[in-house]
Amino acid sequence: MRLRRHTRRRGMTIVESTLVLAVFLMLLFGIFEYCRFLMVLHIGNNAARDGARYASVNVDKPNNFDTTTYTDAAGKVYPSIQAYTTARMGGVERQVTGYQVAVYAVDSVGLSQTPPVIRPKSTAPPSYPDPFNPSDPKRVPWNSALFTEKIAVHIRGTYRPIVPLSISTGRYTLSLVPDNIPVNLIAMMGSEG
């Protein structure tokens, strides 16, 4: 009789441990996923800022320097602004699906609004171009920003968690982390041209 009571307690311990372990692992993986997301945002912000700084000191380069490598007369090679920004991501861009980089001169009228609106300069305001569409006819070259006007580097994509953290109970699903988190990072620097 004593053996049966001991066996019964062992079964309860296994069930209790399984429930506690499941909650603990969800919490642990949630912390890992959140930290990974913060790492992507931190590195992306730094890359956008470095790219904006690189663009602001290279306004003397041709209009296509945002996407094309430039070689000067002395043979020195300058990577494009997009390549420079992506290199600053250090491989983290692979964790952002649909990763894109855009470089544009910022509309100063939008910056003077309350709250400020960061948008590209346009040849036909009040209609503004999509910064990620290089063939937009309203687009103004990125290096047209005058001295102290702003040049922006915009990183866009979607962050997808590695571990889907959701609990399904048949009819209801509790999702602890969204399946897709949009990433929009913009850094601006004053033009030095």
C-alpha atoms as a PDB file:
ATOM      1  CA  MET A   1       0.000   0.000   0.000  1.00  0.00           C
ATOM      2  CA  ARG A   2       2.862   2.341   0.716  1.00  0.00           C
ATOM      3  CA  LEU A   3       4.280   1.648  -2.749  1.00  0.00           C
ATOM      4  CA  ARG A   4       1.067   2.709  -4.458  1.00  0.00           C
ATOM      5  CA  ARG A   5       0.964   6.031  -2.659  1.00  0.00           C
ATOM      6  CA  HIS A   6       4.605   6.721  -3.605  1.00  0.00           C
ATOM      7  CA  THR A   7       3.907   5.854  -7.291  1.00  0.00           C
ATOM      8  CA  ARG A   8       0.858   8.093  -7.338  1.00  0.00           C
ATOM      9  CA  ARG A   9       2.911  11.036  -6.016  1.00  0.00           C
ATOM     10  CA  ARG A  10       5.574  10.461  -8.665  1.00  0.00           C
ATOM     11  CA  GLY A  11       2.947  10.790 -11.421  1.00  0.00           C
ATOM     12  CA  MET A  12       1.675  14.058  -9.956  1.00  0.00           C
ATOM     13  CA  THR A  13       5.223  15.395  -9.785  1.00  0.00           C
ATOM     14  CA  ILE A  14       5.798  14.645 -13.463  1.00  0.00           C
ATOM     15  CA  VAL A  15       2.575  16.439 -14.474  1.00  0.00           C
ATOM     16  CA  GLU A  16       3.370  19.461 -12.292  1.00  0.00           C
ATOM     17  CA  SER A  17       6.941  19.625 -13.577  1.00  0.00           C
ATOM     18  CA  THR A  18       5.734  19.472 -17.178  1.00  0.00           C
ATOM     19  CA  LEU A  19       3.330  22.384 -16.643  1.00  0.00           C
ATOM     20  CA  VAL A  20       5.930  24.520 -14.875  1.00  0.00           C
ATOM     21  CA  LEU A  21       8.609  23.662 -17.435  1.00  0.00           C
ATOM     22  CA  ALA A  22       6.323  24.623 -20.343  1.00  0.00           C
ATOM     23  CA  VAL A  23       5.612  28.044 -18.833  1.00  0.00           C
ATOM     24  CA  PHE A  24       9.280  28.545 -17.945  1.00  0.00           C
ATOM     25  CA  LEU A  25      10.472  27.657 -21.460  1.00  0.00           C
ATOM     26  CA  MET A  26       7.938  30.003 -23.072  1.00  0.00           C
ATOM     27  CA  LEU A  27       9.156  32.798 -20.820  1.00  0.00           C
ATOM     28  CA  LEU A  28      12.792  31.973 -21.558  1.00  0.00           C
ATOM     29  CA  PHE A  29      12.307  31.840 -25.337  1.00  0.00           C
ATOM     30  CA  GLY A  30      10.249  35.040 -25.165  1.00  0.00           C
ATOM     31  CA  ILE A  31      13.172  36.788 -23.471  1.00  0.00           C
ATOM     32  CA  PHE A  32      15.602  35.446 -26.092  1.00  0.00           C
ATOM     33  CA  GLU A  33      13.349  36.583 -28.933  1.00  0.00           C
ATOM     34  CA  TYR A  34      12.849  40.043 -27.439  1.00  0.00           C
ATOM     35  CA  CYS A  35      16.606  40.462 -26.946  1.00  0.00           C
ATOM     36  CA  ARG A  36      17.227  39.359 -30.532  1.00  0.00           C
ATOM     37  CA  PHE A  37      14.677  41.938 -31.772  1.00  0.00           C
ATOM     38  CA  LEU A  38      16.350  44.682 -29.722  1.00  0.00           C
ATOM     39  CA  MET A  39      19.731  43.668 -31.178  1.00  0.00           C
ATOM     40  CA  VAL A  40      18.335  44.002 -34.728  1.00  0.00           C
ATOM     41  CA  LEU A  41      16.923  47.462 -33.919  1.00  0.00           C
ATOM     42  CA  HIS A  42      20.129  48.631 -32.243  1.00  0.00           C
ATOM     43  CA  ILE A  43      22.426  47.480 -35.034  1.00  0.00           C
ATOM     44  CA  GLY A  44      19.992  48.795 -37.664  1.00  0.00           C
ATOM     45  CA  ASN A  45      19.888  52.246 -36.033  1.00  0.00           C
ATOM     46  CA  ASN A  46      23.672  52.380 -35.938  1.00  0.00           C
ATOM     47  CA  ALA A  47      23.927  51.242 -39.573  1.00  0.00           C
ATOM     48  CA  ALA A  48      21.396  53.864 -40.716  1.00  0.00           C
ATOM     49  CA  ARG A  49      23.257  56.589 -38.825  1.00  0.00           C
ATOM     50  CA  ASP A  50      26.617  55.487 -40.279  1.00  0.00           C
ATOM     51  CA  GLY A  51      25.068  55.378 -43.766  1.00  0.00           C
ATOM     52  CA  ALA A  52      23.592  58.875 -43.353  1.00  0.00           C
ATOM     53  CA  ARG A  53      26.951  60.210 -42.230  1.00  0.00           C
ATOM     54  CA  TYR A  54      28.663  58.520 -45.177  1.00  0.00           C
ATOM     55  CA  ALA A  55      26.110  60.048 -47.562  1.00  0.00           C
ATOM     56  CA  SER A  56      26.405  63.531 -46.062  1.00  0.00           C
ATOM     57  CA  VAL A  57      30.172  63.672 -46.617  1.00  0.00           C
ATOM     58  CA  ASN A  58      29.958  62.239 -50.158  1.00  0.00           C
ATOM     59  CA  VAL A  59      27.454  64.593 -51.791  1.00  0.00           C
ATOM     60  CA  ASP A  60      30.076  65.382 -54.441  1.00  0.00           C
ATOM     61  CA  LYS A  61      29.615  61.859 -55.872  1.00  0.00           C
ATOM     62  CA  PRO A  62      27.235  61.164 -58.806  1.00  0.00           C
ATOM     63  CA  ASN A  63      23.457  60.739 -58.389  1.00  0.00           C
ATOM     64  CA  ASN A  64      23.664  56.949 -58.693  1.00  0.00           C
ATOM     65  CA  PHE A  65      26.220  56.651 -55.868  1.00  0.00           C
ATOM     66  CA  ASP A  66      23.412  55.591 -53.543  1.00  0.00           C
ATOM     67  CA  THR A  67      23.246  52.242 -55.382  1.00  0.00           C
ATOM     68  CA  THR A  68      26.463  52.055 -57.458  1.00  0.00           C
ATOM     69  CA  THR A  69      30.105  51.869 -56.376  1.00  0.00           C
ATOM     70  CA  TYR A  70      32.167  54.881 -57.440  1.00  0.00           C
ATOM     71  CA  THR A  71      35.817  54.916 -58.542  1.00  0.00           C
ATOM     72  CA  ASP A  72      37.559  58.304 -58.642  1.00  0.00           C
ATOM     73  CA  ALA A  73      40.282  59.422 -61.076  1.00  0.00           C
ATOM     74  CA  ALA A  74      43.042  58.227 -58.725  1.00  0.00           C
ATOM     75  CA  GLY A  75      41.548  54.715 -58.714  1.00  0.00           C
ATOM     76  CA  LYS A  76      40.158  54.837 -55.175  1.00  0.00           C
ATOM     77  CA  VAL A  77      36.972  52.788 -54.865  1.00  0.00           C
ATOM     78  CA  TYR A  78      34.056  54.055 -52.756  1.00  0.00           C
ATOM     79  CA  PRO A  79      31.303  51.563 -51.939  1.00  0.00           C
ATOM     80  CA  SER A  80      27.755  52.746 -52.627  1.00  0.00           C
ATOM     81  CA  ILE A  81      25.754  54.142 -49.724  1.00  0.00           C
ATOM     82  CA  GLN A  82      23.491  51.094 -49.722  1.00  0.00           C
ATOM     83  CA  ALA A  83      26.472  48.722 -49.699  1.00  0.00           C
ATOM     84  CA  TYR A  84      28.154  50.749 -46.958  1.00  0.00           C
ATOM     85  CA  THR A  85      25.002  50.701 -44.809  1.00  0.00           C
ATOM     86  CA  THR A  86      24.471  46.977 -45.384  1.00  0.00           C
ATOM     87  CA  ALA A  87      28.098  46.279 -44.434  1.00  0.00           C
ATOM     88  CA  ARG A  88      27.478  48.143 -41.159  1.00  0.00           C
ATOM     89  CA  MET A  89      24.606  45.735 -40.431  1.00  0.00           C
ATOM     90  CA  GLY A  90      27.226  43.005 -40.009  1.00  0.00           C
ATOM     91  CA  GLY A  91      25.011  40.175 -41.248  1.00  0.00           C
ATOM     92  CA  VAL A  92      22.017  41.129 -39.095  1.00  0.00           C
ATOM     93  CA  GLU A  93      20.157  42.168 -42.266  1.00  0.00           C
ATOM     94  CA  ARG A  94      19.586  38.446 -42.904  1.00  0.00           C
ATOM     95  CA  GLN A  95      17.243  38.452 -39.907  1.00  0.00           C
ATOM     96  CA  VAL A  96      15.070  41.095 -41.595  1.00  0.00           C
ATOM     97  CA  THR A  97      13.021  39.776 -44.523  1.00  0.00           C
ATOM     98  CA  GLY A  98      12.443  42.215 -47.362  1.00  0.00           C
ATOM     99  CA  TYR A  99      15.489  44.227 -46.227  1.00  0.00           C
ATOM    100  CA  GLN A 100      15.784  47.495 -48.204  1.00  0.00           C
ATOM    101  CA  VAL A 101      17.869  50.652 -47.914  1.00  0.00           C
ATOM    102  CA  ALA A 102      16.844  54.009 -49.390  1.00  0.00           C
ATOM    103  CA  VAL A 103      18.811  57.264 -49.482  1.00  0.00           C
ATOM    104  CA  TYR A 104      17.082  60.587 -50.114  1.00  0.00           C
ATOM    105  CA  ALA A 105      17.244  64.324 -49.587  1.00  0.00           C
ATOM    106  CA  VAL A 106      14.717  65.251 -46.892  1.00  0.00           C
ATOM    107  CA  ASP A 107      11.914  67.759 -47.497  1.00  0.00           C
ATOM    108  CA  SER A 108      12.592  70.657 -45.108  1.00  0.00           C
ATOM    109  CA  VAL A 109       8.906  71.689 -45.085  1.00  0.00           C
ATOM    110  CA  GLY A 110       7.980  68.322 -43.600  1.00  0.00           C
ATOM    111  CA  LEU A 111      10.580  68.728 -40.867  1.00  0.00           C
ATOM    112  CA  SER A 112       9.097  72.086 -39.839  1.00  0.00           C
ATOM    113  CA  GLN A 113       5.645  70.550 -39.264  1.00  0.00           C
ATOM    114  CA  THR A 114       4.360  69.532 -35.845  1.00  0.00           C
ATOM    115  CA  PRO A 115       5.046  66.648 -35.419  1.00  0.00           C
ATOM    116  CA  PRO A 116       7.911  66.521 -37.933  1.00  0.00           C
ATOM    117  CA  VAL A 117       7.364  64.420 -41.057  1.00  0.00           C
ATOM    118  CA  ILE A 118      10.431  62.792 -42.587  1.00  0.00           C
ATOM    119  CA  ARG A 119       9.762  62.484 -46.304  1.00  0.00           C
ATOM    120  CA  PRO A 120      11.817  62.774 -49.505  1.00  0.00           C
ATOM    121  CA  LYS A 121      12.062  65.996 -51.452  1.00  0.00           C
ATOM    122  CA  SER A 122       9.718  66.096 -54.409  1.00  0.00           C
ATOM    123  CA  THR A 123       9.685  67.724 -57.826  1.00  0.00           C
ATOM    124  CA  ALA A 124       5.884  68.061 -57.542  1.00  0.00           C
ATOM    125  CA  PRO A 125       4.807  68.827 -53.967  1.00  0.00           C
ATOM    126  CA  PRO A 126       2.387  68.137 -52.269  1.00  0.00           C
ATOM    127  CA  SER A 127       2.821  64.689 -53.826  1.00  0.00           C
ATOM    128  CA  TYR A 128       5.927  62.962 -52.485  1.00  0.00           C
ATOM    129  CA  PRO A 129       7.855  60.037 -54.002  1.00  0.00           C
ATOM    130  CA  ASP A 130       8.293  56.596 -52.530  1.00  0.00           C
ATOM    131  CA  PRO A 131      11.933  56.542 -51.353  1.00  0.00           C
ATOM    132  CA  PHE A 132      12.213  52.835 -52.243  1.00  0.00           C
ATOM    133  CA  ASN A 133      11.133  53.356 -55.872  1.00  0.00           C
ATOM    134  CA  PRO A 134      14.158  54.652 -57.824  1.00  0.00           C
ATOM    135  CA  SER A 135      12.105  55.208 -60.983  1.00  0.00           C
ATOM    136  CA  ASP A 136       9.537  57.522 -59.364  1.00  0.00           C
ATOM    137  CA  PRO A 137       9.327  60.653 -61.570  1.00  0.00           C
ATOM    138  CA  LYS A 138       8.803  62.920 -58.542  1.00  0.00           C
ATOM    139  CA  ARG A 139      12.103  61.760 -57.046  1.00  0.00           C
ATOM    140  CA  VAL A 140      14.842  64.326 -56.383  1.00  0.00           C
ATOM    141  CA  PRO A 141      18.484  63.091 -56.387  1.00  0.00           C
ATOM    142  CA  TRP A 142      19.785  62.311 -52.910  1.00  0.00           C
ATOM    143  CA  ASN A 143      22.833  64.551 -53.394  1.00  0.00           C
ATOM    144  CA  SER A 144      20.749  67.625 -54.236  1.00  0.00           C
ATOM    145  CA  ALA A 145      20.606  68.538 -50.533  1.00  0.00           C
ATOM    146  CA  LEU A 146      22.283  71.902 -49.997  1.00  0.00           C
ATOM    147  CA  PHE A 147      24.655  72.653 -47.145  1.00  0.00           C
ATOM    148  CA  THR A 148      22.909  71.908 -43.784  1.00  0.00           C
ATOM    149  CA  GLU A 149      19.845  70.364 -45.467  1.00  0.00           C
ATOM    150  CA  LYS A 150      19.176  66.823 -44.325  1.00  0.00           C
ATOM    151  CA  ILE A 151      19.984  63.544 -46.074  1.00  0.00           C
ATOM    152  CA  ALA A 152      18.204  60.460 -44.754  1.00  0.00           C
ATOM    153  CA  VAL A 153      19.015  56.763 -44.870  1.00  0.00           C
ATOM    154  CA  HIS A 154      15.918  54.621 -44.400  1.00  0.00           C
ATOM    155  CA  ILE A 155      16.068  50.894 -43.595  1.00  0.00           C
ATOM    156  CA  ARG A 156      12.876  48.922 -44.045  1.00  0.00           C
ATOM    157  CA  GLY A 157      11.898  45.278 -43.685  1.00  0.00           C
ATOM    158  CA  THR A 158      10.061  42.764 -41.538  1.00  0.00           C
ATOM    159  CA  TYR A 159      11.435  41.030 -38.481  1.00  0.00           C
ATOM    160  CA  ARG A 160      10.261  37.434 -38.107  1.00  0.00           C
ATOM    161  CA  PRO A 161      10.785  35.652 -34.786  1.00  0.00           C
ATOM    162  CA  ILE A 162      12.579  32.318 -34.972  1.00  0.00           C
ATOM    163  CA  VAL A 163      10.425  30.692 -32.309  1.00  0.00           C
ATOM    164  CA  PRO A 164       6.666  31.127 -32.761  1.00  0.00           C
ATOM    165  CA  LEU A 165       5.422  31.638 -29.217  1.00  0.00           C
ATOM    166  CA  SER A 166       1.746  30.806 -29.211  1.00  0.00           C
ATOM    167  CA  ILE A 167      -0.518  28.586 -27.168  1.00  0.00           C
ATOM    168  CA  SER A 168      -3.436  26.960 -28.925  1.00  0.00           C
ATOM    169  CA  THR A 169      -6.338  25.447 -27.002  1.00  0.00           C
ATOM    170  CA  GLY A 170      -8.538  24.371 -29.891  1.00  0.00           C
ATOM    171  CA  ARG A 171     -10.784  27.411 -30.260  1.00  0.00           C
ATOM    172  CA  TYR A 172      -8.439  30.064 -28.901  1.00  0.00           C
ATOM    173  CA  THR A 173      -4.849  30.958 -29.700  1.00  0.00           C
ATOM    174  CA  LEU A 174      -2.759  33.166 -27.439  1.00  0.00           C
ATOM    175  CA  SER A 175       0.184  34.625 -29.334  1.00  0.00           C
ATOM    176  CA  LEU A 176       2.918  36.002 -27.106  1.00  0.00           C
ATOM    177  CA  VAL A 177       5.015  37.351 -29.982  1.00  0.00           C
ATOM    178  CA  PRO A 178       3.590  38.625 -33.298  1.00  0.00           C
ATOM    179  CA  ASP A 179       4.490  36.638 -36.411  1.00  0.00           C
ATOM    180  CA  ASN A 180       5.767  39.744 -38.248  1.00  0.00           C
ATOM    181  CA  ILE A 181       7.116  42.978 -36.788  1.00  0.00           C
ATOM    182  CA  PRO A 182       7.725  45.836 -39.260  1.00  0.00           C
ATOM    183  CA  VAL A 183      11.120  47.519 -39.051  1.00  0.00           C
ATOM    184  CA  ASN A 184      11.402  51.163 -40.177  1.00  0.00           C
ATOM    185  CA  LEU A 185      14.623  52.908 -39.191  1.00  0.00           C
ATOM    186  CA  ILE A 186      15.504  56.395 -40.399  1.00  0.00           C
ATOM    187  CA  ALA A 187      18.646  58.389 -39.662  1.00  0.00           C
ATOM    188  CA  MET A 188      19.324  61.945 -40.910  1.00  0.00           C
ATOM    189  CA  MET A 189      22.469  64.004 -41.164  1.00  0.00           C
ATOM    190  CA  GLY A 190      23.096  67.539 -42.392  1.00  0.00           C
ATOM    191  CA  SER A 191      24.600  67.710 -45.862  1.00  0.00           C
ATOM    192  CA  GLU A 192      28.181  68.893 -46.064  1.00  0.00           C
ATOM    193  CA  GLY A 193      28.031  69.753 -49.747  1.00  0.00           C
END
